[in-house]
Protein backbone atom coordinates (compact mmCIF):
# COMPACT_ATOMS: atom_id res chain seq x y z
CA UNK A 1 0.00 0.00 0.00
CA UNK A 2 2.80 2.41 0.95
CA UNK A 3 6.41 1.76 -0.03
CA UNK A 4 9.03 4.13 1.32
CA UNK A 5 11.30 4.91 -1.62
CA UNK A 6 13.97 6.90 0.20
CA UNK A 7 14.95 8.65 3.40
CA UNK A 8 15.82 12.30 3.98
CA UNK A 9 17.55 13.42 7.19
CA UNK A 10 16.99 17.02 8.35
CA UNK A 11 16.96 18.86 11.65
CA UNK A 12 13.67 20.62 10.86
CA UNK A 13 10.74 19.92 8.55
CA UNK A 14 8.64 23.01 7.72
CA UNK A 15 5.23 22.28 6.21
CA UNK A 16 3.63 25.18 4.33
CA UNK A 17 5.03 28.16 2.45
CA UNK A 18 2.78 31.01 3.50
CA UNK A 19 4.15 33.78 5.70
CA UNK A 20 4.60 31.48 8.72
CA UNK A 21 6.46 28.80 6.77
CA UNK A 22 8.67 31.24 4.87
CA UNK A 23 9.59 33.18 8.00
CA UNK A 24 10.52 30.16 10.13
CA UNK A 25 12.49 28.61 7.27
CA UNK A 26 14.46 31.81 6.70
CA UNK A 27 15.19 32.43 10.39
CA UNK A 28 16.26 28.81 10.98
CA UNK A 29 18.44 29.12 7.88
CA UNK A 30 20.14 32.07 9.54
CA UNK A 31 20.90 29.78 12.48
CA UNK A 32 22.60 27.27 10.15
CA UNK A 33 20.04 24.56 10.84
CA UNK A 34 19.38 21.88 8.19
CA UNK A 35 15.85 22.44 6.92
CA UNK A 36 13.42 20.80 4.53
CA UNK A 37 10.55 23.08 3.45
CA UNK A 38 7.65 21.34 1.73
CA UNK A 39 4.61 22.97 0.20
CA UNK A 40 1.50 21.44 -1.31
CA UNK A 41 1.56 23.82 -4.24
CA UNK A 42 4.34 26.12 -5.32
CA UNK A 43 6.38 28.37 -3.04
CA UNK A 44 4.35 31.23 -1.60
CA UNK A 45 0.95 29.69 -0.95
CA UNK A 46 -1.96 29.55 1.44
CA UNK A 47 -4.11 32.37 2.75
CA UNK A 48 -1.04 34.64 3.07
CA UNK A 49 -0.84 34.89 -0.71
CA UNK A 50 -4.54 34.52 -1.51
CA UNK A 51 -5.77 37.66 -3.34
CA UNK A 52 -8.92 38.15 -1.27
CA UNK A 53 -8.81 41.89 -1.89
CA UNK A 54 -6.40 44.63 -2.92
CA UNK A 55 -4.33 44.61 0.27
CA UNK A 56 -3.86 42.67 3.49
CA UNK A 57 -3.61 44.49 6.82
CA UNK A 58 -1.51 43.74 9.90
CA UNK A 59 -2.45 45.46 13.16
CA UNK A 60 0.35 46.27 15.61
CA UNK A 61 0.58 47.90 19.01
CA UNK A 62 0.71 51.68 18.70
CA UNK A 63 3.71 53.83 19.61
CA UNK A 64 1.73 55.28 22.52
CA UNK A 65 2.42 53.18 25.65
CA UNK A 66 -1.23 53.47 26.67
CA UNK A 67 -2.16 51.39 23.67
CA UNK A 68 -0.91 48.20 25.33
CA UNK A 69 -3.84 48.51 27.75
CA UNK A 70 -6.30 49.53 25.04
CA UNK A 71 -5.15 46.82 22.64
CA UNK A 72 -5.60 44.17 25.32
CA UNK A 73 -9.08 45.52 25.98
CA UNK A 74 -9.95 45.27 22.27
CA UNK A 75 -8.64 41.69 21.91
CA UNK A 76 -10.17 40.42 25.14
CA UNK A 77 -13.56 41.96 24.47
CA UNK A 78 -13.97 40.34 21.07
CA UNK A 79 -12.38 37.09 22.31
CA UNK A 80 -15.21 36.90 24.86
CA UNK A 81 -13.41 34.72 27.45
CA UNK A 82 -12.14 32.31 24.82
CA UNK A 83 -8.82 34.09 24.19
CA UNK A 84 -5.45 33.09 25.65
CA UNK A 85 -4.31 35.93 27.99
CA UNK A 86 -0.63 34.91 28.00
CA UNK A 87 -0.46 34.85 24.21
CA UNK A 88 -2.35 38.15 24.00
CA UNK A 89 0.20 39.79 26.32
CA UNK A 90 3.07 38.44 24.22
CA UNK A 91 1.53 39.62 20.97
CA UNK A 92 0.87 43.11 22.31
CA UNK A 93 4.46 43.52 23.47
CA UNK A 94 6.12 42.14 20.33
CA UNK A 95 3.86 42.89 17.35
CA UNK A 96 5.30 46.33 16.61
CA UNK A 97 8.86 45.04 16.37
CA UNK A 98 7.82 41.94 14.39
CA UNK A 99 6.49 43.89 11.41
CA UNK A 100 10.03 44.28 10.01
CA UNK A 101 10.18 40.49 9.57
CA UNK A 102 7.96 40.84 6.50
CA UNK A 103 10.82 42.57 4.68
CA UNK A 104 13.05 39.58 5.37
CA UNK A 105 10.79 37.28 3.31
CA UNK A 106 10.15 39.59 0.37
CA UNK A 107 7.26 41.85 1.35
CA UNK A 108 7.30 45.65 1.48
CA UNK A 109 4.85 46.69 4.23
CA UNK A 110 3.75 50.29 4.58
CA UNK A 111 1.81 52.14 7.26
CA UNK A 112 -1.76 53.14 6.46
CA UNK A 113 -2.36 56.87 6.25
CA UNK A 114 -5.70 56.91 8.03
CA UNK A 115 -6.07 55.86 11.65
CA UNK A 116 -9.36 54.01 11.69
CA UNK A 117 -10.05 51.13 14.08
CA UNK A 118 -9.54 47.69 12.58
CA UNK A 119 -12.48 45.31 12.28
CA UNK A 120 -14.06 44.78 15.76
CA UNK A 121 -11.62 47.22 17.40
CA UNK A 122 -12.84 50.17 19.46
CA UNK A 123 -9.56 52.08 19.30
CA UNK A 124 -7.52 53.14 16.24
CA UNK A 125 -3.88 52.06 16.00
CA UNK A 126 -1.15 51.39 13.46
CA UNK A 127 -2.13 49.11 10.59
CA UNK A 128 0.47 48.04 8.05
CA UNK A 129 -0.53 46.90 4.56
CA UNK A 130 1.02 44.46 2.11
CA UNK A 131 0.19 43.62 -1.51
CA UNK A 132 2.03 42.62 -4.73
CA UNK A 133 1.67 38.91 -4.03
CA UNK A 134 3.42 37.73 -7.20
CA UNK A 135 6.45 39.95 -6.68
CA UNK A 136 6.60 38.87 -3.04
CA UNK A 137 6.66 35.21 -4.12
CA UNK A 138 9.54 35.91 -6.49
CA UNK A 139 11.38 37.80 -3.78
CA UNK A 140 10.90 34.97 -1.28
CA UNK A 141 12.23 32.41 -3.75
CA UNK A 142 15.34 34.48 -4.40
CA UNK A 143 15.93 35.01 -0.68
CA UNK A 144 15.60 31.32 0.22
CA UNK A 145 17.75 30.17 -2.74
CA UNK A 146 20.76 31.67 -1.00
CA UNK A 147 20.54 29.17 1.87
CA UNK A 148 22.53 26.02 1.06
CA UNK A 149 21.19 24.43 4.27
CA UNK A 150 17.57 24.77 3.06
CA UNK A 151 16.00 22.25 0.69
CA UNK A 152 12.61 23.01 -0.88
CA UNK A 153 10.18 20.43 -2.25
CA UNK A 154 7.13 21.82 -4.04
CA UNK A 155 3.93 19.90 -4.81
CA UNK A 156 4.70 17.77 -1.78
CA UNK A 157 2.43 16.94 1.15
CA UNK A 158 2.82 15.51 4.61
CA UNK A 159 0.68 12.44 5.31
CA UNK A 160 1.92 11.29 8.73
CA UNK A 161 3.79 12.67 11.74
CA UNK A 162 5.90 10.00 13.46
CA UNK A 163 6.07 10.26 17.24
CA UNK A 164 7.77 8.13 19.89
CA UNK A 165 7.37 8.79 23.64
CA UNK A 166 5.60 12.09 22.86
CA UNK A 167 8.56 13.32 20.79
CA UNK A 168 8.62 13.99 17.06
CA UNK A 169 10.98 11.60 15.30
CA UNK A 170 9.97 12.14 11.68
CA UNK A 171 7.29 12.25 9.03
CA UNK A 172 6.06 10.51 5.90
CA UNK A 173 5.70 12.84 2.93
CA UNK A 174 4.37 12.25 -0.59
CA UNK A 175 6.08 13.82 -3.58
CA UNK A 176 5.16 12.95 -7.17
CA UNK A 177 3.42 9.73 -6.07
CA UNK A 178 6.55 8.76 -4.16
CA UNK A 179 6.52 8.14 -0.40
CA UNK A 180 9.52 9.47 1.52
CA UNK A 181 10.60 9.08 5.15
CA UNK A 182 11.90 12.28 6.71
CA UNK A 183 13.95 11.73 9.85
CA UNK A 184 13.70 14.91 11.89
CA UNK A 185 13.39 16.08 15.49
CA UNK A 186 11.22 19.10 14.72
CA UNK A 187 8.16 19.68 12.55
CA UNK A 188 6.68 23.15 12.05
CA UNK A 189 3.11 23.01 10.78
CA UNK A 190 2.28 26.22 8.91
CA UNK A 191 -0.56 24.65 6.97
CA UNK A 192 -3.26 27.29 7.44
CA UNK A 193 -6.86 27.04 8.59
CA UNK A 194 -9.90 24.98 7.57
CA UNK A 195 -11.93 27.37 5.38
CA UNK A 196 -11.27 25.36 2.21
CA UNK A 197 -13.49 22.55 3.52
CA UNK A 198 -16.63 24.62 2.87
CA UNK A 199 -18.45 24.94 -0.43
CA UNK A 200 -18.84 28.71 0.04
CA UNK A 201 -15.40 29.90 1.05
CA UNK A 202 -13.26 32.99 0.63
CA UNK A 203 -10.18 30.92 1.25
CA UNK A 204 -7.85 28.66 -0.78
CA UNK A 205 -9.75 25.45 -1.57
CA UNK A 206 -6.73 23.22 -0.96
CA UNK A 207 -6.38 24.30 2.69
CA UNK A 208 -8.66 21.89 4.50
CA UNK A 209 -7.30 21.37 8.00
CA UNK A 210 -4.87 18.56 7.11
CA UNK A 211 -2.31 19.93 9.57
CA UNK A 212 -4.92 19.94 12.33
CA UNK A 213 -5.79 16.29 11.73
CA UNK A 214 -2.14 15.23 11.64
CA UNK A 215 -1.35 17.13 14.84
CA UNK A 216 -4.31 15.54 16.59
CA UNK A 217 -3.15 12.07 15.52
CA UNK A 218 0.32 12.89 16.84
CA UNK A 219 -1.02 13.67 20.32
CA UNK A 220 -1.59 17.44 20.20
CA UNK A 221 -4.87 19.09 21.21
CA UNK A 222 -7.22 21.35 19.28
CA UNK A 223 -9.13 24.20 20.91
CA UNK A 224 -11.91 26.60 19.86
CA UNK A 225 -12.59 24.84 16.55
CA UNK A 226 -16.26 25.87 16.57
CA UNK A 227 -15.28 29.55 16.23
CA UNK A 228 -14.98 29.93 12.47
CA UNK A 229 -15.26 33.38 10.94
CA UNK A 230 -17.89 33.76 8.23
CA UNK A 231 -17.82 36.93 6.17
CA UNK A 232 -20.18 38.17 3.45
CA UNK A 233 -19.27 37.21 -0.10
CA UNK A 234 -20.89 37.75 -3.50
CA UNK A 235 -23.16 35.12 -4.98
CA UNK A 236 -24.01 37.57 -7.81
CA UNK A 237 -22.87 39.17 -10.06
CA UNK A 238 -19.68 37.12 -9.62
CA UNK A 239 -19.50 34.17 -7.27
CA UNK A 240 -16.84 33.86 -4.58
CA UNK A 241 -15.73 37.50 -4.27
CA UNK A 242 -15.30 39.40 -1.00
CA UNK A 243 -18.15 41.79 -0.12
CA UNK A 244 -17.06 44.96 1.72
CA UNK A 245 -19.25 45.18 4.81
CA UNK A 246 -18.63 48.93 5.17
CA UNK A 247 -20.84 49.46 2.09
CA UNK A 248 -23.90 48.38 4.14
CA UNK A 249 -24.19 52.06 5.14
CA UNK A 250 -25.28 52.89 1.61
CA UNK A 251 -27.65 49.96 1.06
CA UNK A 252 -31.26 50.87 0.22
CA UNK A 253 -32.99 47.50 0.33
CA UNK A 254 -33.65 45.78 2.67
CA UNK A 255 -31.48 48.02 4.83
CA UNK A 256 -34.01 50.85 4.97
CA UNK A 257 -35.64 48.84 7.78
CA UNK A 258 -33.77 48.57 11.09
CA UNK A 259 -31.22 51.06 9.75
CA UNK A 260 -29.45 51.26 13.11
CA UNK A 261 -28.60 47.54 12.97
CA UNK A 262 -27.30 47.82 9.42
CA UNK A 263 -25.07 50.76 10.36
CA UNK A 264 -23.64 48.73 13.24
CA UNK A 265 -23.14 45.74 10.92
CA UNK A 266 -21.16 47.93 8.51
CA UNK A 267 -18.37 48.31 11.11
CA UNK A 268 -17.18 44.68 11.08
CA UNK A 269 -16.85 41.82 8.59
CA UNK A 270 -17.25 38.44 10.36
CA UNK A 271 -20.50 37.24 11.88
CA UNK A 272 -20.64 37.71 15.66
CA UNK A 273 -23.46 36.81 18.02
CA UNK A 274 -22.05 39.35 20.50
CA UNK A 275 -23.66 42.31 18.69
CA UNK A 276 -27.39 43.04 18.19
CA UNK A 277 -26.71 43.26 14.44
CA UNK A 278 -26.06 39.50 14.33
CA UNK A 279 -29.75 39.36 13.35
CA UNK A 280 -28.73 40.67 9.93
CA UNK A 281 -26.50 37.65 9.31
CA UNK A 282 -29.29 35.33 10.38
CA UNK A 283 -31.58 37.16 7.94
CA UNK A 284 -28.88 36.77 5.31
CA UNK A 285 -29.04 33.00 5.77
CA UNK A 286 -27.88 31.47 2.52
CA UNK A 287 -28.45 34.56 0.42
CA UNK A 288 -29.91 38.07 0.39
CA UNK A 289 -30.35 40.67 -2.39
CA UNK A 290 -29.22 44.29 -1.89
CA UNK A 291 -29.56 47.61 -3.70
CA UNK A 292 -27.27 50.61 -3.15
CA UNK A 293 -27.50 54.41 -3.21
CA UNK A 294 -25.30 56.21 -5.74
CA UNK A 295 -23.65 58.14 -2.86
CA UNK A 296 -21.59 54.99 -2.23
CA UNK A 297 -19.27 56.00 -5.08
CA UNK A 298 -18.96 59.56 -3.77
CA UNK A 299 -17.46 58.55 -0.43
CA UNK A 300 -13.85 59.81 -0.36
CA UNK A 301 -12.76 57.55 2.50
CA UNK A 302 -9.62 55.54 1.71
CA UNK A 303 -11.32 52.28 2.59
CA UNK A 304 -14.15 52.90 0.12
CA UNK A 305 -11.94 54.15 -2.70
CA UNK A 306 -9.49 51.24 -2.48
CA UNK A 307 -12.20 48.57 -2.23
CA UNK A 308 -14.52 49.93 -4.93
CA UNK A 309 -11.60 50.45 -7.31
CA UNK A 310 -10.47 46.88 -6.72
CA UNK A 311 -14.02 45.59 -7.37
CA UNK A 312 -14.20 47.49 -10.64
CA UNK A 313 -10.71 46.79 -11.94
CA UNK A 314 -10.21 43.17 -10.93
CA UNK A 315 -13.78 41.83 -10.66
CA UNK A 316 -15.76 44.08 -13.05
CA UNK A 317 -18.41 44.72 -10.38
CA UNK A 318 -20.38 47.93 -9.96
CA UNK A 319 -22.39 47.92 -6.72
CA UNK A 320 -25.02 50.36 -8.00
CA UNK A 321 -25.55 48.90 -11.49
CA UNK A 322 -25.24 45.14 -11.00
CA UNK A 323 -27.66 42.75 -9.32
CA UNK A 324 -26.13 42.11 -5.90
CA UNK A 325 -26.68 38.92 -3.92
CA UNK A 326 -24.52 38.08 -0.91
CA UNK A 327 -24.26 35.17 1.54
CA UNK A 328 -21.96 34.06 4.40
CA UNK A 329 -18.66 32.52 3.25
CA UNK A 330 -16.20 30.60 5.42
CA UNK A 331 -12.91 32.38 5.98
CA UNK A 332 -10.60 32.42 9.00
CA UNK A 333 -10.41 29.80 11.73
CA UNK A 334 -10.03 31.16 15.27
CA UNK A 335 -9.27 27.75 16.75
CA UNK A 336 -6.47 25.34 16.05
CA UNK A 337 -3.59 23.45 17.59
CA UNK A 338 -3.08 24.35 21.23
CA UNK A 339 0.33 26.03 21.49
CA UNK A 340 2.30 28.05 24.04
CA UNK A 341 3.89 31.47 23.52
CA UNK A 342 6.76 29.79 21.64
CA UNK A 343 4.46 28.09 19.15
CA UNK A 344 5.04 24.66 20.71
CA UNK A 345 2.27 22.07 20.96
CA UNK A 346 1.90 19.49 23.70
CA UNK A 347 4.14 17.17 21.66
CA UNK A 348 7.89 17.80 21.96
CA UNK A 349 9.26 18.98 18.64
CA UNK A 350 5.86 19.80 17.11
CA UNK A 351 5.07 23.47 16.47
CA UNK A 352 2.09 25.25 14.94
CA UNK A 353 2.54 28.68 13.35
CA UNK A 354 -0.12 30.89 11.79
CA UNK A 355 -3.75 29.97 11.37
CA UNK A 356 -3.21 26.26 12.02
CA UNK A 357 -2.69 27.19 15.68
CA UNK A 358 -4.96 28.67 18.31
CA UNK A 359 -3.10 31.86 19.13
CA UNK A 360 -4.48 35.09 20.53
CA UNK A 361 -7.93 34.57 19.01
CA UNK A 362 -10.97 33.59 21.01
CA UNK A 363 -14.64 33.56 20.07
CA UNK A 364 -13.70 36.09 17.36
CA UNK A 365 -10.58 37.93 16.26
CA UNK A 366 -9.74 41.54 15.55
CA UNK A 367 -9.00 42.44 11.96
CA UNK A 368 -5.30 42.47 11.15
CA UNK A 369 -4.12 40.10 13.89
CA UNK A 370 -3.71 36.95 11.80
CA UNK A 371 -0.46 37.73 9.96
CA UNK A 372 0.90 39.51 13.02
CA UNK A 373 0.44 36.35 15.05
CA UNK A 374 2.42 34.32 12.51
CA UNK A 375 5.26 36.84 12.74
CA UNK A 376 5.39 37.08 16.54
CA UNK A 377 5.04 33.41 17.37
CA UNK A 378 7.03 32.26 14.33
CA UNK A 379 10.06 34.21 15.51
CA UNK A 380 9.66 32.90 19.05
CA UNK A 381 9.34 29.33 17.74
CA UNK A 382 12.67 29.61 15.91
CA UNK A 383 14.47 30.57 19.14
CA UNK A 384 12.81 27.72 21.04
CA UNK A 385 13.59 25.21 18.28
CA UNK A 386 17.24 26.27 18.10
CA UNK A 387 17.59 25.52 21.81
CA UNK A 388 15.64 22.25 21.55
CA UNK A 389 17.91 20.97 18.76
CA UNK A 390 20.91 21.26 21.05
CA UNK A 391 19.58 18.16 22.79
CA UNK A 392 20.93 15.13 20.95
CA UNK A 393 18.42 12.40 20.11
CA UNK A 394 19.35 9.02 18.70
CA UNK A 395 16.46 7.07 17.18
CA UNK A 396 17.13 3.54 15.96
CA UNK A 397 15.91 2.26 12.59
CA UNK A 398 13.88 -0.29 14.52
CA UNK A 399 11.77 2.49 16.10
CA UNK A 400 11.09 4.06 12.69
CA UNK A 401 10.14 0.71 11.20
CA UNK A 402 7.85 -0.06 14.13
CA UNK A 403 6.03 3.30 13.98
CA UNK A 404 5.58 3.11 10.20
CA UNK A 405 4.32 -0.47 10.27
CA UNK A 406 1.87 0.29 13.08
CA UNK A 407 0.48 3.18 11.05
CA UNK A 408 0.19 1.23 7.79
CA UNK A 409 -1.49 -1.69 9.57
CA UNK A 410 -4.04 0.69 11.09
CA UNK A 411 -4.87 1.98 7.60
CA UNK A 412 -5.24 -1.51 6.19
CA UNK A 413 -7.70 -2.46 8.94
CA UNK A 414 -10.13 0.23 7.82
CA UNK A 415 -12.04 -1.65 5.15
CA UNK A 416 -14.61 0.45 3.29
CA UNK A 417 -16.68 0.23 0.16
CA UNK A 418 -15.32 2.07 -2.85
CA UNK A 419 -18.45 3.84 -4.10
CA UNK A 420 -17.08 7.39 -4.20
CA UNK A 421 -14.14 9.03 -5.92
CA UNK A 422 -11.91 11.44 -4.01
CA UNK A 423 -13.32 14.37 -5.99
CA UNK A 424 -16.88 13.34 -5.12
CA UNK A 425 -16.14 13.04 -1.39
CA UNK A 426 -14.38 16.41 -1.17
CA UNK A 427 -17.28 18.04 -3.02
CA UNK A 428 -19.81 16.45 -0.66
CA UNK A 429 -17.85 17.52 2.44
CA UNK A 430 -18.18 21.12 1.23
CA UNK A 431 -21.92 20.70 0.66
CA UNK A 432 -22.47 19.07 4.07
CA UNK A 433 -20.59 21.78 5.96
CA UNK A 434 -22.45 24.47 4.02
CA UNK A 435 -25.74 22.84 4.97
CA UNK A 436 -25.05 21.89 8.60
CA UNK A 437 -22.02 23.89 9.78
CA UNK A 438 -22.67 27.38 8.48
CA UNK A 439 -23.80 30.26 10.73
CA UNK A 440 -27.10 28.79 11.95
CA UNK A 441 -26.56 25.52 13.86
CA UNK A 442 -28.69 23.23 15.99
CA UNK A 443 -28.55 19.73 17.45
CA UNK A 444 -30.68 17.98 14.84
CA UNK A 445 -28.87 19.55 11.91
CA UNK A 446 -25.41 18.82 13.36
CA UNK A 447 -26.36 15.19 13.99
CA UNK A 448 -27.61 14.86 10.44
CA UNK A 449 -24.38 16.37 9.11
CA UNK A 450 -22.31 13.90 11.14
CA UNK A 451 -24.43 11.03 9.82
CA UNK A 452 -23.81 12.14 6.22
CA UNK A 453 -20.05 12.38 6.82
CA UNK A 454 -20.02 8.87 8.30
CA UNK A 455 -21.86 7.59 5.23
CA UNK A 456 -19.17 9.09 3.02
CA UNK A 457 -16.43 7.51 5.13
CA UNK A 458 -18.11 4.10 5.00
CA UNK A 459 -18.15 4.19 1.23
CA UNK A 460 -14.69 5.52 0.47
CA UNK A 461 -11.60 3.33 0.15
CA UNK A 462 -8.25 4.92 0.90
CA UNK A 463 -6.51 1.83 -0.46
CA UNK A 464 -8.16 2.27 -3.87
CA UNK A 465 -7.55 6.02 -4.03
CA UNK A 466 -4.27 6.45 -2.19
CA UNK A 467 -2.52 8.23 -5.08
CA UNK A 468 -5.59 10.29 -6.01
CA UNK A 469 -5.99 12.68 -3.08
CA UNK A 470 -6.62 9.76 -0.74
CA UNK A 471 -5.04 11.35 2.30
CA UNK A 472 -6.70 14.68 1.56
CA UNK A 473 -10.01 12.86 1.79
CA UNK A 474 -9.48 10.91 5.02
CA UNK A 475 -8.01 13.90 6.86
CA UNK A 476 -10.69 16.26 5.51
CA UNK A 477 -13.41 13.85 6.63
CA UNK A 478 -11.83 13.71 10.07
CA UNK A 479 -11.60 17.50 10.28
CA UNK A 480 -15.19 18.01 9.12
CA UNK A 481 -16.38 15.61 11.82
CA UNK A 482 -14.37 17.44 14.47
CA UNK A 483 -15.87 20.78 13.42
CA UNK A 484 -19.44 19.52 13.71
CA UNK A 485 -18.64 17.75 17.00
CA UNK A 486 -17.17 20.96 18.42
CA UNK A 487 -20.23 22.93 17.32
CA UNK A 488 -22.46 20.32 18.90
CA UNK A 489 -20.49 20.35 22.16
CA UNK A 490 -20.81 24.11 22.73
CA UNK A 491 -24.41 24.48 23.86
CA UNK A 492 -24.53 28.26 23.82
CA UNK A 493 -24.05 31.12 21.35
CA UNK A 494 -20.85 33.15 21.59
CA UNK A 495 -18.83 35.17 19.08
CA UNK A 496 -18.59 33.36 15.77
CA UNK A 497 -20.61 30.39 17.08
CA UNK A 498 -24.44 30.48 17.00
CA UNK A 499 -26.90 27.78 18.07
CA UNK A 500 -30.53 28.45 17.20
CA UNK A 501 -31.52 25.97 19.96
CA UNK A 502 -29.29 27.80 22.50
CA UNK A 503 -29.58 31.48 21.45
CA UNK A 504 -27.84 32.91 24.53
CA UNK A 505 -24.37 33.15 26.04
CA UNK A 506 -23.59 31.30 29.26
CA UNK A 507 -22.03 33.35 32.04
CA UNK A 508 -19.46 30.70 32.87
CA UNK A 509 -17.72 29.00 29.98
CA UNK A 510 -14.24 27.91 29.06
CA UNK A 511 -12.21 26.86 26.07
CA UNK A 512 -12.78 23.14 25.53
CA UNK A 513 -10.26 20.96 23.78
CA UNK A 514 -11.31 18.19 21.43
CA UNK A 515 -10.08 14.84 22.72
CA UNK A 516 -7.98 12.62 20.51
CA UNK A 517 -10.01 11.52 17.51
CA UNK A 518 -10.76 7.82 17.17
């Protein structure tokens, strides 16, 4: 079923080539560590390089010392008791300095001229912007080429993390239908979130929570997985395009009713139960038509001008002339692998950087904190890893053989019918999550979704499809189940999570980890 064709020995395996993967690879290269960087596509991928809109913002602590207190207030309020205070403190203290790290991997960040609060924030502070994704990719490639101690494998995926006595000892990767053993003491997962699992998603479709599933199998924990950010996207005139929520202020229909709620809703992008205007998202359901006043195009605000120009030039959309239909689309994941302030999971040698990890986010996240988190905790992870690698570990070939054989035997035991192709299963996972794991959730619907996922699993054979996205399918199925289980477990409504059968927030609640999947 799986034949290991060769073995690669490296000190560190980095999985993913978005901002988190590029940064940690570059900084470990500076420390003369032997690194293998693998990426599912080509170098410079994931949400970091996904052209969702004209620019991407990174929020940092302001130069004013008072902002440390105000920033913490902003993050904690929107996190709604689900955030990690220690990680929040670390981010606030180090985000301003970390912005320069973007230059080291080929970006050219600049400070926004206007000082408007970021999405969900009460207070304005510095927001840096990046763009020019293609040039940044080229720059990153040129920068990393200079490191003789860094090997890059593109179109390569990780399919198993090997662990012995709660320590990483290696991984199995697949490259061009070839299975390779990587002997390594450290794995950095920078594999992104889970938004690609959904049918309606403003996120790269090939990012489906594979890193989450692998980490869970390795012994790590996942937290806050039910808190997924859904933002409005266009159904018409062009499907799968970001809708700018700030334009709600100029909507005529149906916004002329309950205008106060629509004005409030125009100040933030992701759905949140914590505001009265969450009723608008519930009204939006799976689609709502809007009409706009011509004054929209007269607004001289930078945010409006940049967004509307981008819509016109890159998407050929005119908000006042075209028929506009919008619906909730999956985007960022607030939950992920449980890590400490150095990016380390509960498994020695296993790190999660960027959206694959549960960082400073809670029940929702402030706009502009995602990339900043990858920078802050990515740099800290490199320092921790450099120290960890000073400990010598000798792993015998017998241990590798034993771990690999145990894993392969467990796969062989799972006998299933072969009624569905990989493409069919991945398509159905998206449909099921769109139907049962979107904004409006309840017990009956979640149970039905889980039943449908189990039916898919029972009729899909990994053995028959192993070279045709087989591992994508089994790990995506596992992740989809975990999402619905997490949504089912939280019997309240809070932040990005809403239960129509529990439409209230409990006074006492805590972040719950998902136990090891079986």
